[in-house]
Protein backbone atom coordinates (compact mmCIF):
# COMPACT_ATOMS: atom_id res chain seq x y z
CA MET A 1 8.67 -23.34 -36.95
CA SER A 2 5.92 -20.95 -36.85
CA ASP A 3 6.17 -17.96 -34.62
CA ALA A 4 2.60 -17.95 -34.31
CA ARG A 5 0.79 -17.95 -31.01
CA VAL A 6 -1.05 -21.02 -29.80
CA GLY A 7 -4.82 -21.61 -29.68
CA LEU A 8 -6.55 -24.69 -27.98
CA VAL A 9 -9.98 -25.43 -28.65
CA ILE A 10 -11.85 -27.84 -25.96
CA GLU A 11 -15.38 -28.65 -27.82
CA ASP A 12 -16.94 -31.96 -28.23
CA ASP A 13 -19.56 -30.48 -31.21
CA GLN A 14 -17.50 -31.37 -34.28
CA ASP A 15 -19.21 -27.95 -36.07
CA ILE A 16 -18.39 -25.77 -33.42
CA ARG A 17 -14.77 -27.07 -32.91
CA GLU A 18 -14.00 -25.98 -36.56
CA LEU A 19 -16.00 -22.77 -36.54
CA VAL A 20 -13.99 -21.62 -33.26
CA ARG A 21 -10.58 -23.37 -35.38
CA ALA A 22 -11.48 -21.14 -38.36
CA VAL A 23 -12.03 -18.18 -36.09
CA LEU A 24 -8.60 -18.66 -34.14
CA THR A 25 -6.50 -19.43 -37.27
CA GLN A 26 -7.66 -16.13 -39.28
CA ALA A 27 -6.58 -14.04 -35.94
CA GLY A 28 -3.11 -15.34 -36.49
CA PHE A 29 -2.99 -18.72 -34.25
CA ASP A 30 -1.77 -22.35 -34.73
CA VAL A 31 -4.55 -24.24 -33.47
CA SER A 32 -5.07 -27.63 -31.80
CA VAL A 33 -8.34 -29.08 -30.78
CA ALA A 34 -9.51 -31.62 -28.20
CA ALA A 35 -13.01 -33.32 -28.15
CA SER A 36 -12.98 -34.14 -24.22
CA GLY A 37 -11.82 -32.78 -21.20
CA THR A 38 -9.18 -35.36 -20.73
CA GLU A 39 -7.66 -34.87 -23.99
CA GLY A 40 -7.90 -31.15 -23.67
CA VAL A 41 -6.25 -31.25 -20.53
CA LEU A 42 -3.32 -33.11 -21.84
CA ALA A 43 -3.00 -30.83 -24.77
CA ALA A 44 -2.90 -27.76 -22.37
CA ARG A 45 0.06 -29.20 -20.64
CA SER A 46 1.72 -30.39 -23.65
CA LEU A 47 1.25 -27.40 -25.65
CA ASN A 48 1.32 -24.52 -23.29
CA PRO A 49 -1.03 -22.17 -25.66
CA ASP A 50 -1.77 -18.51 -25.26
CA VAL A 51 -5.56 -18.63 -25.16
CA ILE A 52 -8.19 -21.67 -24.56
CA THR A 53 -11.74 -22.02 -25.93
CA LEU A 54 -13.51 -24.44 -23.49
CA ASP A 55 -16.69 -25.86 -23.71
CA LEU A 56 -18.91 -26.29 -20.75
CA GLY A 57 -20.95 -29.35 -21.54
CA LEU A 58 -17.83 -32.16 -22.54
CA PRO A 59 -18.76 -35.69 -22.69
CA ASP A 60 -16.53 -37.01 -19.70
CA ILE A 61 -15.39 -33.87 -17.15
CA ASP A 62 -17.21 -30.59 -17.67
CA GLY A 63 -15.72 -27.26 -18.39
CA PHE A 64 -15.35 -26.25 -14.65
CA GLU A 65 -13.52 -29.15 -13.77
CA VAL A 66 -11.31 -28.83 -16.82
CA SER A 67 -10.79 -24.95 -16.15
CA ARG A 68 -9.54 -25.77 -12.23
CA GLN A 69 -7.24 -28.58 -13.74
CA ILE A 70 -5.38 -26.40 -16.55
CA ARG A 71 -5.20 -23.44 -13.91
CA GLU A 72 -3.05 -25.63 -11.95
CA PHE A 73 0.01 -25.32 -14.44
CA SER A 74 -1.12 -22.54 -16.78
CA ASP A 75 -1.95 -18.93 -17.04
CA ALA A 76 -3.39 -19.17 -20.75
CA TYR A 77 -6.43 -16.80 -21.16
CA ILE A 78 -9.35 -19.32 -20.87
CA VAL A 79 -12.71 -17.92 -22.74
CA MET A 80 -15.87 -20.68 -21.74
CA LEU A 81 -18.50 -20.98 -24.19
CA THR A 82 -21.55 -22.24 -22.67
CA ALA A 83 -25.46 -23.29 -24.03
CA ARG A 84 -26.52 -22.20 -20.56
CA ALA A 85 -27.50 -18.86 -19.92
CA GLU A 86 -28.17 -19.14 -16.06
CA GLU A 87 -26.06 -16.53 -14.11
CA LEU A 88 -24.90 -19.33 -11.25
CA ASP A 89 -23.20 -21.07 -14.38
CA THR A 90 -21.10 -18.44 -15.44
CA LEU A 91 -19.88 -17.49 -12.30
CA ILE A 92 -19.11 -20.97 -11.39
CA GLY A 93 -17.00 -20.57 -14.61
CA LEU A 94 -15.15 -17.68 -13.72
CA GLU A 95 -14.43 -18.90 -10.08
CA SER A 96 -13.18 -22.07 -11.91
CA GLY A 97 -10.50 -20.22 -13.64
CA ALA A 98 -12.01 -18.83 -16.63
CA ASP A 99 -10.91 -15.10 -17.98
CA ASP A 100 -14.38 -14.66 -20.17
CA TYR A 101 -17.72 -16.69 -21.49
CA LEU A 102 -20.01 -16.46 -24.00
CA THR A 103 -23.29 -18.16 -24.76
CA LYS A 104 -24.01 -20.05 -27.32
CA PRO A 105 -24.71 -19.39 -29.87
CA PHE A 106 -21.98 -16.44 -30.29
CA ARG A 107 -20.83 -14.38 -33.31
CA PRO A 108 -17.59 -15.59 -34.44
CA ARG A 109 -16.55 -11.62 -34.51
CA GLU A 110 -17.46 -10.81 -30.86
CA LEU A 111 -15.37 -14.20 -30.43
CA ARG A 112 -12.30 -13.09 -31.97
CA ALA A 113 -12.86 -9.45 -30.83
CA ARG A 114 -12.74 -10.68 -27.25
CA ILE A 115 -9.70 -12.89 -27.97
CA ALA A 116 -7.95 -9.77 -29.28
CA ALA A 117 -8.75 -7.95 -26.16
CA MET A 118 -7.38 -10.52 -24.13
CA MET A 119 -3.86 -10.45 -26.19
CA ARG A 120 -3.35 -6.88 -26.20
CA ARG A 121 -3.00 -6.76 -22.39
CA PRO A 122 0.33 -7.59 -21.38
CA ARG A 123 1.11 -3.48 -22.66
CA THR A 124 4.27 -1.68 -21.65
CA ALA A 125 3.65 -0.05 -18.17
CA ALA A 126 5.66 3.22 -18.94
CA THR A 127 2.56 4.48 -20.92
CA ASP A 128 0.13 4.17 -18.55
CA THR A 129 -0.89 7.41 -16.71
CA VAL A 130 -0.39 6.92 -12.72
CA GLU A 131 -2.44 9.06 -10.08
CA ASP A 132 -0.39 10.39 -7.62
CA ALA A 133 -1.24 9.05 -4.05
CA PRO A 134 -0.68 10.82 -0.74
CA ALA A 135 2.81 10.36 0.94
CA GLY A 136 3.09 6.79 2.57
CA GLU A 137 0.23 5.22 0.81
CA ARG A 138 1.88 3.57 -2.07
CA GLN A 139 5.38 3.19 -3.54
CA GLY A 140 5.30 3.14 -7.24
CA ASP A 141 7.04 3.49 -9.88
CA PRO A 142 5.46 3.83 -13.37
CA GLY A 143 8.40 3.90 -15.44
CA THR A 144 9.05 0.47 -14.19
CA GLY A 145 5.43 -1.14 -13.94
CA HIS A 146 6.83 -1.67 -9.82
CA TYR A 147 4.89 -1.44 -6.88
CA SER A 148 4.99 -2.19 -3.25
CA HIS A 149 2.22 -1.82 -0.63
CA ASN A 150 1.10 -3.35 2.57
CA GLY A 151 4.15 -6.07 2.21
CA LEU A 152 2.92 -6.81 -1.37
CA ASP A 153 5.33 -6.42 -4.46
CA LEU A 154 4.31 -6.24 -8.14
CA THR A 155 6.21 -6.33 -11.17
CA TYR A 156 4.81 -5.75 -14.56
CA ALA A 157 7.59 -6.65 -16.66
CA SER A 158 8.32 -10.10 -14.96
CA ARG A 159 4.23 -10.41 -14.10
CA SER A 160 5.19 -11.39 -10.79
CA VAL A 161 3.39 -10.44 -7.45
CA THR A 162 4.83 -11.76 -3.92
CA VAL A 163 3.17 -10.83 -0.48
CA ASP A 164 5.38 -10.92 2.29
CA GLY A 165 7.94 -12.44 0.31
CA GLN A 166 5.78 -15.25 -0.88
CA GLU A 167 5.16 -15.70 -4.71
CA LEU A 168 1.48 -15.96 -5.94
CA ASN A 169 0.37 -17.82 -8.98
CA LEU A 170 -2.65 -15.35 -10.05
CA THR A 171 -4.20 -15.38 -13.19
CA ARG A 172 -3.77 -13.05 -16.24
CA THR A 173 -7.16 -11.30 -15.39
CA GLU A 174 -6.48 -11.09 -11.63
CA PHE A 175 -2.99 -9.40 -12.17
CA GLU A 176 -4.43 -7.12 -14.12
CA LEU A 177 -7.07 -6.22 -11.68
CA LEU A 178 -4.31 -5.82 -9.12
CA TYR A 179 -2.06 -4.18 -11.46
CA ALA A 180 -5.00 -1.52 -12.25
CA LEU A 181 -5.83 -0.72 -8.50
CA LEU A 182 -2.06 -0.03 -7.44
CA GLU A 183 -1.94 2.11 -10.44
CA ALA A 184 -4.81 4.07 -9.37
CA GLY A 185 -3.94 4.34 -5.81
CA ARG A 186 -6.87 5.58 -3.60
CA THR A 187 -8.74 6.44 -6.54
CA VAL A 188 -11.74 4.34 -6.89
CA ARG A 189 -11.92 2.24 -10.01
CA THR A 190 -15.40 1.62 -11.18
CA LYS A 191 -16.46 -1.68 -12.27
CA SER A 192 -16.90 -0.44 -15.73
CA ASP A 193 -13.74 1.29 -15.75
CA LEU A 194 -11.88 -2.27 -14.93
CA VAL A 195 -14.31 -4.21 -17.41
CA ARG A 196 -12.92 -1.63 -19.93
CA ARG A 197 -9.40 -2.20 -18.86
CA LEU A 198 -9.45 -5.89 -19.18
CA ARG A 199 -11.24 -5.04 -22.84
CA ASP A 200 -8.29 -2.85 -23.45
CA GLU A 201 -10.72 0.07 -24.29
CA ASP A 202 -10.17 3.61 -23.38
CA TYR A 203 -12.36 4.58 -20.52
CA ASP A 204 -14.14 7.36 -22.69
CA VAL A 205 -15.44 4.71 -25.20
CA GLY A 206 -19.09 4.55 -25.04
CA SER A 207 -19.28 0.38 -25.15
CA TYR A 208 -22.29 -1.42 -23.89
CA ILE A 209 -21.18 -2.69 -20.30
CA SER A 210 -23.72 -5.01 -18.89
CA GLU A 211 -24.98 -6.28 -15.58
CA ALA A 212 -23.19 -9.76 -16.48
CA ASP A 213 -20.02 -8.08 -17.25
CA GLU A 214 -19.63 -5.94 -13.94
CA ARG A 215 -20.64 -9.12 -11.76
CA SER A 216 -17.73 -11.01 -13.76
CA VAL A 217 -15.30 -8.51 -12.09
CA GLU A 218 -16.93 -8.70 -8.90
CA VAL A 219 -15.86 -12.77 -9.15
CA HIS A 220 -12.68 -12.18 -10.32
CA MET A 221 -11.95 -9.71 -7.53
CA GLY A 222 -13.20 -12.43 -5.28
CA ASN A 223 -10.84 -15.02 -6.63
CA LEU A 224 -7.87 -12.33 -6.07
CA ARG A 225 -9.09 -11.61 -2.66
CA LYS A 226 -8.85 -15.52 -1.93
CA LYS A 227 -5.32 -15.63 -3.06
CA LEU A 228 -4.17 -12.63 -1.34
CA GLY A 229 -5.93 -13.53 1.96
CA ASP A 230 -7.21 -10.34 2.31
CA SER A 231 -10.22 -9.63 4.10
CA PRO A 232 -13.25 -7.75 2.69
CA GLN A 233 -14.12 -6.58 6.33
CA ARG A 234 -10.66 -5.49 7.34
CA PRO A 235 -8.87 -5.05 3.58
CA ARG A 236 -5.17 -4.97 3.47
CA TRP A 237 -5.21 -4.31 -0.20
CA LEU A 238 -8.41 -4.49 -1.93
CA GLN A 239 -11.00 -1.97 -0.85
CA THR A 240 -14.93 -2.45 -1.96
CA VAL A 241 -16.51 0.67 -2.38
CA ARG A 242 -20.17 0.01 -2.45
CA GLY A 243 -22.32 0.70 -5.32
CA VAL A 244 -19.03 1.87 -7.20
CA GLY A 245 -16.29 -0.46 -7.57
CA TYR A 246 -12.59 -0.85 -5.75
CA ARG A 247 -9.77 1.28 -4.59
CA LEU A 248 -6.52 0.35 -3.04
CA ALA A 249 -6.96 0.09 1.28
CA PRO A 250 -4.96 2.71 2.87
CA ALA A 251 -1.20 1.99 3.92
CA ALA A 252 -0.84 0.56 7.01
CA ARG A 253 0.36 2.95 9.92
């Protein structure tokens, strides 16, 4: 049996479906395809893929609903492929559980680069540098990737998060954003920093960060807040620094 990672292409256009299949195959994935949303959901459940590319305009149910259904049982990376360039469609896609998006027509090289960055995200926590936080603000061990803050516990090795003892079901992108803020403590992480974190790029790399990229971070942070039950006005964990980015909220006294 192959040890390759599993990719799933959900796309009704045969030409695009075969193009994406080729891109994923060249990237080392065992690739399956589905031509409809219903077929795609069933395939995602049976195959347990590592990454899914998802067309927005499917013939039966749209990509938004497919993403929502898949997110009920899978933490696969989802890249939404859409011919719609409107920001609203992009935001709805991210809110429905997608990790990233590309607008058609897209460059195969860019799709492959985005997927490669996603697959590099699970990194060894011990290699990351952690800024020191004031005493009592945050308890964490960078060697084990475990952090506790205001009733929230995160363990990187098991990729688990609990709040007041209740386990949360986060997407991989939401988990990475939360981990980045716990690492930084009260140090502000800009939206551009967080975009690069999700792309697994060095912070000093001068890659282009668009407004849409930063807006996608805002959407993912909004989804994370909802799952945590956090209040933007009186944050327990995620504090917005207007015009800049995010940081960890102060420890409860």
